[in-house]
Protein backbone atom coordinates (compact mmCIF):
# COMPACT_ATOMS: atom_id res chain seq x y z
CA UNK A 1 -4.42 -41.76 -72.52
CA UNK A 2 -3.29 -43.92 -75.44
CA UNK A 3 -0.34 -46.31 -75.46
CA UNK A 4 1.16 -47.94 -78.55
CA UNK A 5 3.03 -51.22 -78.05
CA UNK A 6 5.10 -53.01 -80.68
CA UNK A 7 6.20 -56.52 -79.81
CA UNK A 8 7.27 -59.71 -81.51
CA UNK A 9 10.23 -61.93 -82.08
CA UNK A 10 12.54 -62.15 -85.08
CA UNK A 11 10.95 -65.47 -86.09
CA UNK A 12 7.39 -64.10 -85.83
CA UNK A 13 5.49 -61.17 -87.28
CA UNK A 14 5.42 -58.14 -84.98
CA UNK A 15 2.30 -57.23 -83.00
CA UNK A 16 1.03 -53.67 -82.85
CA UNK A 17 -1.29 -53.07 -79.90
CA UNK A 18 -3.10 -49.83 -79.09
CA UNK A 19 -4.57 -49.59 -75.61
CA UNK A 20 -6.15 -46.61 -73.96
CA UNK A 21 -9.10 -44.88 -72.43
CA UNK A 22 -11.09 -41.67 -72.80
CA UNK A 23 -12.48 -39.88 -69.75
CA UNK A 24 -15.33 -37.48 -70.40
CA UNK A 25 -18.41 -35.90 -68.87
CA UNK A 26 -21.86 -36.55 -70.34
CA UNK A 27 -24.68 -34.02 -70.76
CA UNK A 28 -25.87 -34.70 -67.20
CA UNK A 29 -22.35 -33.94 -65.87
CA UNK A 30 -21.65 -37.61 -65.00
CA UNK A 31 -18.04 -38.68 -65.37
CA UNK A 32 -17.61 -41.51 -67.88
CA UNK A 33 -14.77 -43.68 -69.15
CA UNK A 34 -14.50 -45.70 -72.35
CA UNK A 35 -11.56 -48.12 -72.57
CA UNK A 36 -10.25 -50.02 -75.56
CA UNK A 37 -7.60 -52.39 -76.80
CA UNK A 38 -7.03 -52.82 -80.52
CA UNK A 39 -4.78 -55.29 -82.31
CA UNK A 40 -3.40 -54.31 -85.71
CA UNK A 41 -3.62 -56.95 -88.44
CA UNK A 42 -0.74 -56.35 -90.86
CA UNK A 43 -2.41 -58.56 -93.48
CA UNK A 44 -5.73 -56.67 -93.64
CA UNK A 45 -4.22 -53.35 -92.49
CA UNK A 46 -7.01 -52.92 -89.95
CA UNK A 47 -7.37 -52.70 -86.19
CA UNK A 48 -9.62 -55.26 -84.51
CA UNK A 49 -11.07 -54.96 -80.99
CA UNK A 50 -10.04 -57.27 -78.19
CA UNK A 51 -12.50 -59.92 -77.00
CA UNK A 52 -11.51 -59.29 -73.38
CA UNK A 53 -14.14 -57.21 -71.52
CA UNK A 54 -11.43 -56.01 -69.12
CA UNK A 55 -10.02 -53.93 -71.99
CA UNK A 56 -13.21 -53.11 -73.90
CA UNK A 57 -15.76 -51.36 -71.71
CA UNK A 58 -17.81 -48.25 -71.08
CA UNK A 59 -18.70 -46.86 -67.67
């Protein structure tokens, strides 16, 4: 699942946030999940990862 969020106010630059997770099964048939949250920097035109471990993790 991936969700794109665009927020901001007229007086501020907009924020583009991509949040999601990937569920998969490894070679030993264990179920795994990788979650992520990326913030888009309009100046550098790159996504940067969140510093919050609640949004950036691997099971």
